[in-house]
Amino acid sequence: MAVRQTKQKQQLQHEVANYSSFFTAEDLYEKIHKPDSSLGIATIYRYLKTLVEQQKIHSFSCNRKTIYSNNSKNHCHFHCEQCSNIKHI
């Protein structure tokens, strides 16, 4: 059964492919929602879940949040002692 390639899926596919680092569903929502306010967060979660199931992207659990990556390698954290920010590397 063929999957429909809608305008929204094309837009999501383009944005996911542009990530060179880790991202969350919320990050993707912020990028997509500005030009297309009709696209909801639930659609983004479903789309990312499908990509993970198809092994097109990878998901990791980090600080009780799911982060996504185009790269299957695990990651490390950099914790800044001055500002307390945490960066995924």
N, C-alpha and C. Protein backbone atom coordinates (compact mmCIF):
# COMPACT_ATOMS: atom_id res chain seq x y z
N MET A 1 0.84 -1.18 0.00
CA MET A 1 0.00 0.00 0.00
C MET A 1 0.88 1.24 0.00
N ALA A 2 0.66 2.10 -0.96
CA ALA A 2 1.45 3.32 -1.09
C ALA A 2 1.00 4.37 -0.08
N VAL A 3 1.97 5.10 0.46
CA VAL A 3 1.68 6.18 1.39
C VAL A 3 1.55 7.47 0.60
N ARG A 4 0.48 8.20 0.88
CA ARG A 4 0.27 9.48 0.18
C ARG A 4 1.37 10.47 0.53
N GLN A 5 1.89 11.15 -0.45
CA GLN A 5 2.92 12.16 -0.23
C GLN A 5 2.23 13.53 -0.28
N THR A 6 1.76 14.00 0.86
CA THR A 6 1.06 15.27 0.94
C THR A 6 2.05 16.42 1.01
N LYS A 7 1.54 17.63 0.83
CA LYS A 7 2.37 18.83 0.94
C LYS A 7 2.98 18.94 2.34
N GLN A 8 2.19 18.60 3.36
CA GLN A 8 2.69 18.66 4.73
C GLN A 8 3.83 17.67 4.95
N LYS A 9 3.68 16.45 4.43
CA LYS A 9 4.74 15.45 4.58
C LYS A 9 6.00 15.88 3.85
N GLN A 10 5.85 16.48 2.69
CA GLN A 10 7.01 16.98 1.95
C GLN A 10 7.72 18.06 2.74
N GLN A 11 6.95 18.94 3.34
CA GLN A 11 7.52 20.01 4.16
C GLN A 11 8.25 19.44 5.37
N LEU A 12 7.63 18.47 6.05
CA LEU A 12 8.27 17.83 7.20
C LEU A 12 9.54 17.10 6.78
N GLN A 13 9.47 16.36 5.69
CA GLN A 13 10.63 15.62 5.20
C GLN A 13 11.79 16.57 4.91
N HIS A 14 11.50 17.69 4.30
CA HIS A 14 12.54 18.68 3.98
C HIS A 14 13.19 19.22 5.25
N GLU A 15 12.38 19.58 6.24
CA GLU A 15 12.91 20.15 7.48
C GLU A 15 13.72 19.12 8.27
N VAL A 16 13.24 17.89 8.34
CA VAL A 16 13.97 16.83 9.07
C VAL A 16 15.33 16.60 8.41
N ALA A 17 15.36 16.57 7.10
CA ALA A 17 16.61 16.34 6.37
C ALA A 17 17.62 17.46 6.61
N ASN A 18 17.14 18.66 6.91
CA ASN A 18 18.03 19.81 7.13
C ASN A 18 18.71 19.80 8.50
N TYR A 19 18.22 18.99 9.42
CA TYR A 19 18.84 18.95 10.75
C TYR A 19 20.17 18.21 10.67
N SER A 20 21.21 18.84 11.18
CA SER A 20 22.53 18.20 11.22
C SER A 20 22.86 17.74 12.63
N SER A 21 21.98 18.03 13.56
CA SER A 21 22.20 17.66 14.96
C SER A 21 20.90 17.11 15.52
N PHE A 22 20.83 17.01 16.82
CA PHE A 22 19.65 16.48 17.48
C PHE A 22 18.53 17.52 17.49
N PHE A 23 17.29 17.04 17.49
CA PHE A 23 16.15 17.94 17.53
C PHE A 23 15.00 17.23 18.23
N THR A 24 14.07 18.01 18.71
CA THR A 24 12.87 17.48 19.35
C THR A 24 11.67 17.73 18.45
N ALA A 25 10.56 17.11 18.78
CA ALA A 25 9.33 17.36 18.03
C ALA A 25 8.94 18.83 18.15
N GLU A 26 9.20 19.41 19.31
CA GLU A 26 8.88 20.82 19.53
C GLU A 26 9.75 21.72 18.65
N ASP A 27 11.03 21.37 18.48
CA ASP A 27 11.91 22.13 17.58
C ASP A 27 11.35 22.12 16.17
N LEU A 28 10.97 20.94 15.71
CA LEU A 28 10.43 20.80 14.37
C LEU A 28 9.11 21.57 14.24
N TYR A 29 8.29 21.50 15.26
CA TYR A 29 7.02 22.23 15.26
C TYR A 29 7.25 23.74 15.12
N GLU A 30 8.22 24.27 15.85
CA GLU A 30 8.52 25.70 15.78
C GLU A 30 8.96 26.11 14.38
N LYS A 31 9.77 25.26 13.72
CA LYS A 31 10.21 25.56 12.36
C LYS A 31 9.07 25.49 11.36
N ILE A 32 8.19 24.53 11.52
CA ILE A 32 7.11 24.29 10.56
C ILE A 32 5.92 25.20 10.81
N HIS A 33 5.62 25.44 12.07
CA HIS A 33 4.37 26.13 12.42
C HIS A 33 4.32 27.56 11.89
N LYS A 34 5.46 28.24 11.81
CA LYS A 34 5.46 29.63 11.34
C LYS A 34 4.97 29.74 9.90
N PRO A 35 5.55 28.97 8.95
CA PRO A 35 5.04 29.09 7.58
C PRO A 35 3.71 28.36 7.34
N ASP A 36 3.39 27.37 8.16
CA ASP A 36 2.17 26.60 7.94
C ASP A 36 1.48 26.35 9.28
N SER A 37 0.63 27.27 9.68
CA SER A 37 -0.01 27.17 11.00
C SER A 37 -1.07 26.07 11.06
N SER A 38 -1.38 25.44 9.92
CA SER A 38 -2.37 24.37 9.93
C SER A 38 -1.79 23.04 10.40
N LEU A 39 -0.49 22.96 10.48
CA LEU A 39 0.18 21.72 10.88
C LEU A 39 0.30 21.67 12.40
N GLY A 40 -0.32 20.66 13.01
CA GLY A 40 -0.34 20.56 14.47
C GLY A 40 0.77 19.69 15.02
N ILE A 41 1.01 19.81 16.30
CA ILE A 41 2.07 19.05 16.97
C ILE A 41 1.78 17.55 16.93
N ALA A 42 0.51 17.15 16.98
CA ALA A 42 0.17 15.72 16.93
C ALA A 42 0.58 15.11 15.60
N THR A 43 0.42 15.86 14.53
CA THR A 43 0.84 15.40 13.20
C THR A 43 2.35 15.19 13.17
N ILE A 44 3.07 16.09 13.78
CA ILE A 44 4.54 15.99 13.82
C ILE A 44 4.95 14.77 14.62
N TYR A 45 4.34 14.52 15.77
CA TYR A 45 4.67 13.32 16.56
C TYR A 45 4.38 12.05 15.77
N ARG A 46 3.24 11.99 15.08
CA ARG A 46 2.92 10.81 14.27
C ARG A 46 3.94 10.63 13.15
N TYR A 47 4.31 11.70 12.50
CA TYR A 47 5.27 11.63 11.40
C TYR A 47 6.63 11.13 11.91
N LEU A 48 7.10 11.68 13.03
CA LEU A 48 8.39 11.25 13.58
C LEU A 48 8.35 9.79 14.02
N LYS A 49 7.23 9.37 14.60
CA LYS A 49 7.08 7.97 15.02
C LYS A 49 7.20 7.05 13.81
N THR A 50 6.57 7.43 12.71
CA THR A 50 6.64 6.64 11.49
C THR A 50 8.07 6.56 10.96
N LEU A 51 8.78 7.67 10.97
CA LEU A 51 10.17 7.68 10.50
C LEU A 51 11.06 6.79 11.36
N VAL A 52 10.82 6.80 12.66
CA VAL A 52 11.60 5.94 13.58
C VAL A 52 11.29 4.47 13.28
N GLU A 53 10.01 4.15 13.11
CA GLU A 53 9.62 2.77 12.81
C GLU A 53 10.22 2.28 11.49
N GLN A 54 10.36 3.19 10.52
CA GLN A 54 10.95 2.85 9.23
C GLN A 54 12.48 2.93 9.26
N GLN A 55 13.02 3.28 10.41
CA GLN A 55 14.46 3.42 10.63
C GLN A 55 15.09 4.46 9.71
N LYS A 56 14.33 5.50 9.40
CA LYS A 56 14.85 6.60 8.60
C LYS A 56 15.50 7.67 9.49
N ILE A 57 15.03 7.76 10.74
CA ILE A 57 15.67 8.59 11.75
C ILE A 57 15.78 7.76 13.01
N HIS A 58 16.48 8.28 13.99
CA HIS A 58 16.70 7.56 15.25
C HIS A 58 16.22 8.41 16.41
N SER A 59 15.71 7.75 17.42
CA SER A 59 15.26 8.47 18.61
C SER A 59 16.06 8.02 19.81
N PHE A 60 16.26 8.96 20.72
CA PHE A 60 17.00 8.72 21.95
C PHE A 60 16.21 9.34 23.09
N SER A 61 16.27 8.71 24.25
CA SER A 61 15.64 9.28 25.43
C SER A 61 16.70 10.05 26.20
N CYS A 62 16.41 11.30 26.49
CA CYS A 62 17.39 12.16 27.15
C CYS A 62 16.67 13.10 28.11
N ASN A 63 16.99 13.03 29.37
CA ASN A 63 16.34 13.87 30.38
C ASN A 63 14.82 13.80 30.28
N ARG A 64 14.31 12.61 30.15
CA ARG A 64 12.87 12.34 30.06
C ARG A 64 12.21 12.98 28.85
N LYS A 65 12.99 13.27 27.83
CA LYS A 65 12.45 13.79 26.57
C LYS A 65 12.97 12.91 25.45
N THR A 66 12.22 12.84 24.39
CA THR A 66 12.67 12.12 23.20
C THR A 66 13.32 13.11 22.26
N ILE A 67 14.54 12.80 21.85
CA ILE A 67 15.22 13.61 20.86
C ILE A 67 15.44 12.74 19.63
N TYR A 68 15.54 13.38 18.49
CA TYR A 68 15.66 12.67 17.22
C TYR A 68 16.94 13.09 16.52
N SER A 69 17.40 12.22 15.64
CA SER A 69 18.61 12.51 14.88
C SER A 69 18.59 11.74 13.57
N ASN A 70 19.24 12.30 12.57
CA ASN A 70 19.44 11.60 11.31
C ASN A 70 20.60 10.62 11.42
N ASN A 71 21.35 10.70 12.51
CA ASN A 71 22.52 9.88 12.74
C ASN A 71 22.21 8.84 13.81
N SER A 72 22.62 7.60 13.60
CA SER A 72 22.30 6.54 14.55
C SER A 72 23.28 6.45 15.72
N LYS A 73 24.37 7.21 15.66
CA LYS A 73 25.34 7.17 16.75
C LYS A 73 24.76 7.83 17.99
N ASN A 74 25.13 7.30 19.15
CA ASN A 74 24.69 7.87 20.41
C ASN A 74 25.34 9.22 20.61
N HIS A 75 25.07 9.86 21.72
CA HIS A 75 25.57 11.21 21.92
C HIS A 75 26.03 11.40 23.36
N CYS A 76 26.70 12.52 23.57
CA CYS A 76 27.17 12.92 24.90
C CYS A 76 26.57 14.28 25.24
N HIS A 77 26.69 14.66 26.49
CA HIS A 77 26.21 15.96 26.94
C HIS A 77 27.37 16.85 27.33
N PHE A 78 27.23 18.11 27.02
CA PHE A 78 28.14 19.13 27.53
C PHE A 78 27.31 19.99 28.47
N HIS A 79 27.71 20.04 29.73
CA HIS A 79 26.99 20.80 30.74
C HIS A 79 27.84 22.01 31.13
N CYS A 80 27.35 23.21 30.80
CA CYS A 80 28.07 24.43 31.13
C CYS A 80 27.89 24.73 32.62
N GLU A 81 29.00 24.86 33.32
CA GLU A 81 28.94 25.12 34.76
C GLU A 81 28.56 26.57 35.06
N GLN A 82 28.75 27.46 34.11
CA GLN A 82 28.41 28.88 34.34
C GLN A 82 26.92 29.16 34.14
N CYS A 83 26.35 28.66 33.05
CA CYS A 83 24.95 28.98 32.76
C CYS A 83 24.00 27.80 32.93
N SER A 84 24.54 26.63 33.20
CA SER A 84 23.77 25.39 33.41
C SER A 84 23.08 24.85 32.16
N ASN A 85 23.39 25.40 31.00
CA ASN A 85 22.84 24.86 29.75
C ASN A 85 23.44 23.50 29.46
N ILE A 86 22.64 22.65 28.83
CA ILE A 86 23.10 21.34 28.42
C ILE A 86 23.02 21.27 26.90
N LYS A 87 24.12 20.88 26.27
CA LYS A 87 24.18 20.75 24.83
C LYS A 87 24.41 19.29 24.48
N HIS A 88 23.74 18.82 23.44
CA HIS A 88 23.95 17.47 22.93
C HIS A 88 25.08 17.54 21.91
N ILE A 89 26.06 16.66 22.07
CA ILE A 89 27.17 16.64 21.10
C ILE A 89 27.39 15.22 20.62
